[in-house]
Amino acid sequence: IGASTPHLYPCILDWADDFAVVADRLGVEECGLIGLSGGGPYVLACCAALPERIAAAAVLGGVPPTQGPDAPQGGILGRTALFAPLLTRLRTPSALGFASLAWAIRPFVSQGYDLYARISPEGDQRLFAQPEMRAMFIDDLLNGSKPGMRAPVFDLILFWRPWGFSLRDLRVPIRFWHGDADNVVPLAHAEYMASLVPGATIIVRPGESHLGSLGAAPEVLDALFEMWRHPLAGGDDAG
């Protein structure tokens, strides 16, 4: 998010219009996209809105829809969707509260990271033990909250709304990666999403939780380029 102006879109699909503007300004006619966790819906929105420009896409631990026929049952987001109207009305004070909390825990970020790593599944522990991963997460936690916390609150509101498109209508080569120990988005939800996207496949990461797929970066990039060069590769059996 960086220093971008926070903006609550009507639905996630509308974000693709801004992506197209940025791509135009950069002179990017075609590209591949990767989305982690809450980035997954935005990647899929670009696939829906700009299929002629998105050559291939990867979704790592992606958040599923919570509304409509594409929404799987249960899960944290699905069970808490009832709070969407309340959070929408209270989005400004909620963002201020989250920002205050983020600043209050800044002195304990390093200890918090270590604690989270210790209670994570074995696959994630290997990832969090890497010095570069630790540095990235701590930098995000310390500096990501400086502009305030409105954007994450807006993300949550959008996840609870209809996305503005159906996964069944996507025609871009897409592959999903998901940990079988994910305690935020159940593996069954990722498998359900992948089953709805025509030609999509899913790679299951054993012993990894919600952020474990970050450790699959080389594999994900290789697959993305392979799907880009050979579009039918997105539909190969993943095993």
C-alpha atoms as a PDB file:
ATOM      1  CA  ILE A   1       0.000   0.000   0.000  1.00  0.00           C
ATOM      2  CA  GLY A   2       2.873   2.362   0.782  1.00  0.00           C
ATOM      3  CA  ALA A   3       1.937   6.029   0.664  1.00  0.00           C
ATOM      4  CA  SER A   4      -1.113   5.526  -1.574  1.00  0.00           C
ATOM      5  CA  THR A   5      -4.215   7.469  -0.592  1.00  0.00           C
ATOM      6  CA  PRO A   6      -6.619   5.088   1.210  1.00  0.00           C
ATOM      7  CA  HIS A   7      -9.799   4.603  -0.795  1.00  0.00           C
ATOM      8  CA  LEU A   8     -12.801   2.361  -0.175  1.00  0.00           C
ATOM      9  CA  TYR A   9     -13.821   0.933  -3.552  1.00  0.00           C
ATOM     10  CA  PRO A  10     -17.411  -0.153  -4.191  1.00  0.00           C
ATOM     11  CA  CYS A  11     -16.069  -3.682  -4.748  1.00  0.00           C
ATOM     12  CA  ILE A  12     -12.747  -5.407  -5.365  1.00  0.00           C
ATOM     13  CA  LEU A  13     -13.315  -5.540  -9.126  1.00  0.00           C
ATOM     14  CA  ASP A  14     -13.148  -1.727  -9.277  1.00  0.00           C
ATOM     15  CA  TRP A  15      -9.534  -1.836  -8.082  1.00  0.00           C
ATOM     16  CA  ALA A  16      -8.561  -3.328 -11.447  1.00  0.00           C
ATOM     17  CA  ASP A  17      -9.289   0.051 -13.087  1.00  0.00           C
ATOM     18  CA  ASP A  18      -6.516   1.633 -11.023  1.00  0.00           C
ATOM     19  CA  PHE A  19      -4.189  -1.245 -11.827  1.00  0.00           C
ATOM     20  CA  ALA A  20      -4.814  -0.655 -15.546  1.00  0.00           C
ATOM     21  CA  VAL A  21      -3.943   3.034 -15.168  1.00  0.00           C
ATOM     22  CA  VAL A  22      -0.639   2.182 -13.465  1.00  0.00           C
ATOM     23  CA  ALA A  23       0.179  -0.447 -16.105  1.00  0.00           C
ATOM     24  CA  ASP A  24      -0.566   2.089 -18.851  1.00  0.00           C
ATOM     25  CA  ARG A  25       1.691   4.689 -17.260  1.00  0.00           C
ATOM     26  CA  LEU A  26       4.493   2.108 -17.005  1.00  0.00           C
ATOM     27  CA  GLY A  27       3.980   0.946 -20.572  1.00  0.00           C
ATOM     28  CA  VAL A  28       3.176  -2.620 -19.469  1.00  0.00           C
ATOM     29  CA  GLU A  29       0.969  -4.278 -22.067  1.00  0.00           C
ATOM     30  CA  GLU A  30       1.044  -7.788 -20.581  1.00  0.00           C
ATOM     31  CA  CYS A  31       2.141  -9.122 -17.213  1.00  0.00           C
ATOM     32  CA  GLY A  32       1.897 -11.917 -14.681  1.00  0.00           C
ATOM     33  CA  LEU A  33       0.565 -11.365 -11.171  1.00  0.00           C
ATOM     34  CA  ILE A  34       1.166 -12.933  -7.759  1.00  0.00           C
ATOM     35  CA  GLY A  35      -1.100 -12.333  -4.766  1.00  0.00           C
ATOM     36  CA  LEU A  36      -0.519 -13.494  -1.180  1.00  0.00           C
ATOM     37  CA  SER A  37      -3.409 -13.845   1.281  1.00  0.00           C
ATOM     38  CA  GLY A  38      -5.562 -10.719   0.889  1.00  0.00           C
ATOM     39  CA  GLY A  39      -3.715  -9.949  -2.341  1.00  0.00           C
ATOM     40  CA  GLY A  40      -5.329 -12.979  -3.950  1.00  0.00           C
ATOM     41  CA  PRO A  41      -8.758 -11.379  -4.536  1.00  0.00           C
ATOM     42  CA  TYR A  42      -7.132  -8.364  -6.212  1.00  0.00           C
ATOM     43  CA  VAL A  43      -5.121 -10.600  -8.542  1.00  0.00           C
ATOM     44  CA  LEU A  44      -8.281 -12.507  -9.449  1.00  0.00           C
ATOM     45  CA  ALA A  45     -10.125  -9.213 -10.025  1.00  0.00           C
ATOM     46  CA  CYS A  46      -7.476  -8.189 -12.560  1.00  0.00           C
ATOM     47  CA  CYS A  47      -7.865 -11.564 -14.258  1.00  0.00           C
ATOM     48  CA  ALA A  48     -11.612 -10.897 -14.512  1.00  0.00           C
ATOM     49  CA  ALA A  49     -11.366  -7.300 -15.709  1.00  0.00           C
ATOM     50  CA  LEU A  50      -8.222  -7.465 -17.860  1.00  0.00           C
ATOM     51  CA  PRO A  51      -7.889 -10.997 -19.273  1.00  0.00           C
ATOM     52  CA  GLU A  52      -6.140  -9.682 -22.377  1.00  0.00           C
ATOM     53  CA  ARG A  53      -3.376  -8.137 -20.259  1.00  0.00           C
ATOM     54  CA  ILE A  54      -2.836 -10.757 -17.537  1.00  0.00           C
ATOM     55  CA  ALA A  55      -0.783 -13.594 -19.008  1.00  0.00           C
ATOM     56  CA  ALA A  56      -0.833 -15.783 -15.890  1.00  0.00           C
ATOM     57  CA  ALA A  57      -1.538 -15.515 -12.166  1.00  0.00           C
ATOM     58  CA  ALA A  58      -0.519 -17.157  -8.897  1.00  0.00           C
ATOM     59  CA  VAL A  59      -2.523 -17.022  -5.660  1.00  0.00           C
ATOM     60  CA  LEU A  60      -0.751 -17.953  -2.414  1.00  0.00           C
ATOM     61  CA  GLY A  61      -2.958 -18.634   0.608  1.00  0.00           C
ATOM     62  CA  GLY A  62      -5.647 -16.535  -1.057  1.00  0.00           C
ATOM     63  CA  VAL A  63      -8.691 -15.184   0.758  1.00  0.00           C
ATOM     64  CA  PRO A  64     -11.935 -16.695  -0.638  1.00  0.00           C
ATOM     65  CA  PRO A  65     -15.225 -14.932  -1.404  1.00  0.00           C
ATOM     66  CA  THR A  66     -17.647 -14.609   1.505  1.00  0.00           C
ATOM     67  CA  GLN A  67     -20.762 -13.751  -0.521  1.00  0.00           C
ATOM     68  CA  GLY A  68     -22.611 -15.455  -3.362  1.00  0.00           C
ATOM     69  CA  PRO A  69     -22.408 -18.930  -4.914  1.00  0.00           C
ATOM     70  CA  ASP A  70     -18.583 -18.842  -5.084  1.00  0.00           C
ATOM     71  CA  ALA A  71     -18.258 -18.532  -1.298  1.00  0.00           C
ATOM     72  CA  PRO A  72     -17.253 -21.656   0.651  1.00  0.00           C
ATOM     73  CA  GLN A  73     -18.928 -22.349   3.961  1.00  0.00           C
ATOM     74  CA  GLY A  74     -17.307 -21.436   7.286  1.00  0.00           C
ATOM     75  CA  GLY A  75     -13.845 -19.993   7.843  1.00  0.00           C
ATOM     76  CA  ILE A  76     -12.901 -16.918   9.842  1.00  0.00           C
ATOM     77  CA  LEU A  77     -13.975 -14.400   7.206  1.00  0.00           C
ATOM     78  CA  GLY A  78     -17.216 -16.175   6.435  1.00  0.00           C
ATOM     79  CA  ARG A  79     -18.230 -16.424  10.092  1.00  0.00           C
ATOM     80  CA  THR A  80     -17.440 -12.758  10.794  1.00  0.00           C
ATOM     81  CA  ALA A  81     -19.125 -11.290   7.693  1.00  0.00           C
ATOM     82  CA  LEU A  82     -22.081 -10.231   9.860  1.00  0.00           C
ATOM     83  CA  PHE A  83     -19.875  -7.437  11.217  1.00  0.00           C
ATOM     84  CA  ALA A  84     -19.394  -5.873   7.772  1.00  0.00           C
ATOM     85  CA  PRO A  85     -22.139  -3.204   8.102  1.00  0.00           C
ATOM     86  CA  LEU A  86     -20.899  -2.185  11.551  1.00  0.00           C
ATOM     87  CA  LEU A  87     -17.255  -1.959  10.470  1.00  0.00           C
ATOM     88  CA  THR A  88     -18.272   0.045   7.393  1.00  0.00           C
ATOM     89  CA  ARG A  89     -19.992   2.628   9.581  1.00  0.00           C
ATOM     90  CA  LEU A  90     -17.165   2.693  12.111  1.00  0.00           C
ATOM     91  CA  ARG A  91     -14.278   2.382   9.662  1.00  0.00           C
ATOM     92  CA  THR A  92     -12.542   5.628  10.675  1.00  0.00           C
ATOM     93  CA  PRO A  93     -12.504   5.042  14.449  1.00  0.00           C
ATOM     94  CA  SER A  94     -11.639   1.382  13.827  1.00  0.00           C
ATOM     95  CA  ALA A  95      -8.637   2.406  11.746  1.00  0.00           C
ATOM     96  CA  LEU A  96      -7.520   4.837  14.432  1.00  0.00           C
ATOM     97  CA  GLY A  97      -7.832   2.092  17.041  1.00  0.00           C
ATOM     98  CA  PHE A  98      -5.763  -0.359  14.993  1.00  0.00           C
ATOM     99  CA  ALA A  99      -3.142   2.313  14.351  1.00  0.00           C
ATOM    100  CA  SER A 100      -2.906   3.088  18.066  1.00  0.00           C
ATOM    101  CA  LEU A 101      -2.502  -0.604  18.824  1.00  0.00           C
ATOM    102  CA  ALA A 102       0.199  -0.940  16.162  1.00  0.00           C
ATOM    103  CA  TRP A 103       2.157   1.940  17.680  1.00  0.00           C
ATOM    104  CA  ALA A 104       1.718   0.572  21.207  1.00  0.00           C
ATOM    105  CA  ILE A 105       3.276  -2.790  20.336  1.00  0.00           C
ATOM    106  CA  ARG A 106       6.156  -1.367  18.294  1.00  0.00           C
ATOM    107  CA  PRO A 107       8.702  -1.911  21.131  1.00  0.00           C
ATOM    108  CA  PHE A 108       7.742  -5.614  21.243  1.00  0.00           C
ATOM    109  CA  VAL A 109       7.655  -6.389  17.520  1.00  0.00           C
ATOM    110  CA  SER A 110      10.810  -8.509  17.556  1.00  0.00           C
ATOM    111  CA  GLN A 111       9.604 -10.605  20.501  1.00  0.00           C
ATOM    112  CA  GLY A 112       6.181 -10.942  18.891  1.00  0.00           C
ATOM    113  CA  TYR A 113       7.740 -12.216  15.689  1.00  0.00           C
ATOM    114  CA  ASP A 114       9.743 -14.814  17.604  1.00  0.00           C
ATOM    115  CA  LEU A 115       6.659 -15.966  19.514  1.00  0.00           C
ATOM    116  CA  TYR A 116       4.580 -16.297  16.330  1.00  0.00           C
ATOM    117  CA  ALA A 117       7.397 -18.269  14.709  1.00  0.00           C
ATOM    118  CA  ARG A 118       7.587 -20.684  17.656  1.00  0.00           C
ATOM    119  CA  ILE A 119       3.871 -21.513  17.598  1.00  0.00           C
ATOM    120  CA  SER A 120       3.704 -21.841  13.795  1.00  0.00           C
ATOM    121  CA  PRO A 121       3.730 -25.191  11.965  1.00  0.00           C
ATOM    122  CA  GLU A 122       7.104 -26.707  11.145  1.00  0.00           C
ATOM    123  CA  GLY A 123       7.040 -25.544   7.523  1.00  0.00           C
ATOM    124  CA  ASP A 124       6.505 -21.936   8.558  1.00  0.00           C
ATOM    125  CA  GLN A 125       9.193 -22.143  11.243  1.00  0.00           C
ATOM    126  CA  ARG A 126      11.784 -22.905   8.558  1.00  0.00           C
ATOM    127  CA  LEU A 127      10.623 -19.847   6.636  1.00  0.00           C
ATOM    128  CA  PHE A 128      10.596 -17.504   9.641  1.00  0.00           C
ATOM    129  CA  ALA A 129      14.098 -18.634  10.641  1.00  0.00           C
ATOM    130  CA  GLN A 130      15.540 -17.022   7.510  1.00  0.00           C
ATOM    131  CA  PRO A 131      17.203 -13.675   8.410  1.00  0.00           C
ATOM    132  CA  GLU A 132      15.882 -11.924   5.297  1.00  0.00           C
ATOM    133  CA  MET A 133      12.318 -13.020   6.070  1.00  0.00           C
ATOM    134  CA  ARG A 134      12.613 -11.770   9.638  1.00  0.00           C
ATOM    135  CA  ALA A 135      13.965  -8.415   8.446  1.00  0.00           C
ATOM    136  CA  MET A 136      11.145  -8.025   5.921  1.00  0.00           C
ATOM    137  CA  PHE A 137       8.364  -8.802   8.403  1.00  0.00           C
ATOM    138  CA  ILE A 138       9.725  -6.555  11.133  1.00  0.00           C
ATOM    139  CA  ASP A 139      10.188  -3.708   8.663  1.00  0.00           C
ATOM    140  CA  ASP A 140       6.594  -4.152   7.483  1.00  0.00           C
ATOM    141  CA  LEU A 141       5.268  -4.202  11.040  1.00  0.00           C
ATOM    142  CA  LEU A 142       7.270  -1.144  12.100  1.00  0.00           C
ATOM    143  CA  ASN A 143       6.843   1.003   9.006  1.00  0.00           C
ATOM    144  CA  GLY A 144       3.677  -0.319   7.382  1.00  0.00           C
ATOM    145  CA  SER A 145       1.480   1.323  10.009  1.00  0.00           C
ATOM    146  CA  LYS A 146       3.007   4.795   9.663  1.00  0.00           C
ATOM    147  CA  PRO A 147       0.426   6.022   7.092  1.00  0.00           C
ATOM    148  CA  GLY A 148      -2.351   4.761   9.384  1.00  0.00           C
ATOM    149  CA  MET A 149      -4.479   1.621   9.247  1.00  0.00           C
ATOM    150  CA  ARG A 150      -7.389   2.689   7.062  1.00  0.00           C
ATOM    151  CA  ALA A 151      -6.342   0.593   4.069  1.00  0.00           C
ATOM    152  CA  PRO A 152      -6.328  -2.766   5.933  1.00  0.00           C
ATOM    153  CA  VAL A 153      -9.751  -1.914   7.368  1.00  0.00           C
ATOM    154  CA  PHE A 154     -11.003  -1.131   3.848  1.00  0.00           C
ATOM    155  CA  ASP A 155      -9.581  -4.465   2.671  1.00  0.00           C
ATOM    156  CA  LEU A 156     -11.568  -6.322   5.302  1.00  0.00           C
ATOM    157  CA  ILE A 157     -14.760  -4.488   4.346  1.00  0.00           C
ATOM    158  CA  LEU A 158     -14.242  -5.413   0.676  1.00  0.00           C
ATOM    159  CA  PHE A 159     -13.571  -9.061   1.512  1.00  0.00           C
ATOM    160  CA  TRP A 160     -16.985  -9.162   3.177  1.00  0.00           C
ATOM    161  CA  ARG A 161     -18.723  -7.703   0.105  1.00  0.00           C
ATOM    162  CA  PRO A 162     -19.515  -9.383  -3.240  1.00  0.00           C
ATOM    163  CA  TRP A 163     -16.373  -9.150  -5.342  1.00  0.00           C
ATOM    164  CA  GLY A 164     -18.151  -8.023  -8.521  1.00  0.00           C
ATOM    165  CA  PHE A 165     -17.185 -11.089 -10.601  1.00  0.00           C
ATOM    166  CA  SER A 166     -17.438 -14.864 -10.534  1.00  0.00           C
ATOM    167  CA  LEU A 167     -14.486 -17.216 -10.296  1.00  0.00           C
ATOM    168  CA  ARG A 168     -16.291 -19.411 -12.818  1.00  0.00           C
ATOM    169  CA  ASP A 169     -15.872 -16.757 -15.531  1.00  0.00           C
ATOM    170  CA  LEU A 170     -12.082 -16.389 -15.300  1.00  0.00           C
ATOM    171  CA  ARG A 171     -10.126 -17.400 -18.403  1.00  0.00           C
ATOM    172  CA  VAL A 172      -6.544 -16.579 -17.379  1.00  0.00           C
ATOM    173  CA  PRO A 173      -4.102 -19.423 -16.515  1.00  0.00           C
ATOM    174  CA  ILE A 174      -4.149 -19.491 -12.702  1.00  0.00           C
ATOM    175  CA  ARG A 175      -2.431 -21.680 -10.131  1.00  0.00           C
ATOM    176  CA  PHE A 176      -3.049 -21.742  -6.385  1.00  0.00           C
ATOM    177  CA  TRP A 177      -0.535 -22.545  -3.627  1.00  0.00           C
ATOM    178  CA  HIS A 178      -1.851 -23.316  -0.149  1.00  0.00           C
ATOM    179  CA  GLY A 179      -0.566 -24.790   3.105  1.00  0.00           C
ATOM    180  CA  ASP A 180      -2.417 -27.777   4.530  1.00  0.00           C
ATOM    181  CA  ALA A 181      -1.957 -26.333   8.048  1.00  0.00           C
ATOM    182  CA  ASP A 182      -3.405 -22.904   7.215  1.00  0.00           C
ATOM    183  CA  ASN A 183      -5.385 -21.728  10.255  1.00  0.00           C
ATOM    184  CA  VAL A 184      -6.655 -18.539   8.589  1.00  0.00           C
ATOM    185  CA  VAL A 185      -7.951 -19.813   5.243  1.00  0.00           C
ATOM    186  CA  PRO A 186      -8.702 -23.562   5.375  1.00  0.00           C
ATOM    187  CA  LEU A 187      -7.188 -25.684   2.615  1.00  0.00           C
ATOM    188  CA  ALA A 188     -10.702 -26.818   1.684  1.00  0.00           C
ATOM    189  CA  HIS A 189     -11.554 -23.219   0.773  1.00  0.00           C
ATOM    190  CA  ALA A 190      -8.565 -22.956  -1.561  1.00  0.00           C
ATOM    191  CA  GLU A 191      -9.460 -26.281  -3.147  1.00  0.00           C
ATOM    192  CA  TYR A 192     -13.011 -25.058  -3.658  1.00  0.00           C
ATOM    193  CA  MET A 193     -11.823 -21.827  -5.312  1.00  0.00           C
ATOM    194  CA  ALA A 194      -9.455 -23.723  -7.591  1.00  0.00           C
ATOM    195  CA  SER A 195     -12.276 -26.064  -8.591  1.00  0.00           C
ATOM    196  CA  LEU A 196     -14.368 -23.096  -9.742  1.00  0.00           C
ATOM    197  CA  VAL A 197     -11.704 -21.442 -11.911  1.00  0.00           C
ATOM    198  CA  PRO A 198     -11.630 -23.116 -15.332  1.00  0.00           C
ATOM    199  CA  GLY A 199      -8.335 -24.937 -15.870  1.00  0.00           C
ATOM    200  CA  ALA A 200      -6.849 -23.913 -12.502  1.00  0.00           C
ATOM    201  CA  THR A 201      -4.766 -26.239 -10.345  1.00  0.00           C
ATOM    202  CA  ILE A 202      -3.612 -26.151  -6.737  1.00  0.00           C
ATOM    203  CA  ILE A 203      -0.254 -26.986  -5.156  1.00  0.00           C
ATOM    204  CA  VAL A 204      -0.574 -28.131  -1.533  1.00  0.00           C
ATOM    205  CA  ARG A 205       2.314 -27.144   0.751  1.00  0.00           C
ATOM    206  CA  PRO A 206       2.681 -29.794   3.499  1.00  0.00           C
ATOM    207  CA  GLY A 207       3.053 -28.553   7.074  1.00  0.00           C
ATOM    208  CA  GLU A 208       2.705 -24.872   6.181  1.00  0.00           C
ATOM    209  CA  SER A 209       0.272 -22.283   7.464  1.00  0.00           C
ATOM    210  CA  HIS A 210      -1.064 -19.058   6.001  1.00  0.00           C
ATOM    211  CA  LEU A 211       2.230 -17.372   5.122  1.00  0.00           C
ATOM    212  CA  GLY A 212       4.283 -20.462   4.388  1.00  0.00           C
ATOM    213  CA  SER A 213       3.911 -20.110   0.617  1.00  0.00           C
ATOM    214  CA  LEU A 214       6.345 -17.205   0.755  1.00  0.00           C
ATOM    215  CA  GLY A 215       9.004 -19.894   0.892  1.00  0.00           C
ATOM    216  CA  ALA A 216       7.864 -21.199  -2.492  1.00  0.00           C
ATOM    217  CA  ALA A 217       8.918 -18.050  -4.362  1.00  0.00           C
ATOM    218  CA  PRO A 218      11.317 -19.734  -6.852  1.00  0.00           C
ATOM    219  CA  GLU A 219       8.755 -22.446  -7.605  1.00  0.00           C
ATOM    220  CA  VAL A 220       5.961 -19.889  -8.016  1.00  0.00           C
ATOM    221  CA  LEU A 221       7.992 -17.695 -10.367  1.00  0.00           C
ATOM    222  CA  ASP A 222       9.030 -20.680 -12.481  1.00  0.00           C
ATOM    223  CA  ALA A 223       5.406 -21.804 -12.759  1.00  0.00           C
ATOM    224  CA  LEU A 224       4.238 -18.294 -13.598  1.00  0.00           C
ATOM    225  CA  PHE A 225       6.686 -17.984 -16.479  1.00  0.00           C
ATOM    226  CA  GLU A 226       5.820 -21.483 -17.661  1.00  0.00           C
ATOM    227  CA  MET A 227       2.099 -20.628 -17.743  1.00  0.00           C
ATOM    228  CA  TRP A 228       2.952 -17.392 -19.535  1.00  0.00           C
ATOM    229  CA  ARG A 229       4.927 -19.214 -22.248  1.00  0.00           C
ATOM    230  CA  HIS A 230       2.506 -22.132 -22.450  1.00  0.00           C
ATOM    231  CA  PRO A 231      -0.996 -21.053 -21.312  1.00  0.00           C
ATOM    232  CA  LEU A 232      -2.276 -24.640 -21.118  1.00  0.00           C
ATOM    233  CA  ALA A 233       0.286 -25.321 -18.362  1.00  0.00           C
ATOM    234  CA  GLY A 234      -2.104 -23.714 -15.894  1.00  0.00           C
ATOM    235  CA  GLY A 235      -4.366 -26.708 -16.269  1.00  0.00           C
ATOM    236  CA  ASP A 236      -1.803 -29.476 -15.764  1.00  0.00           C
ATOM    237  CA  ASP A 237      -2.351 -31.904 -12.910  1.00  0.00           C
ATOM    238  CA  ALA A 238      -0.571 -30.439  -9.903  1.00  0.00           C
ATOM    239  CA  GLY A 239      -0.578 -33.447  -7.603  1.00  0.00           C
END
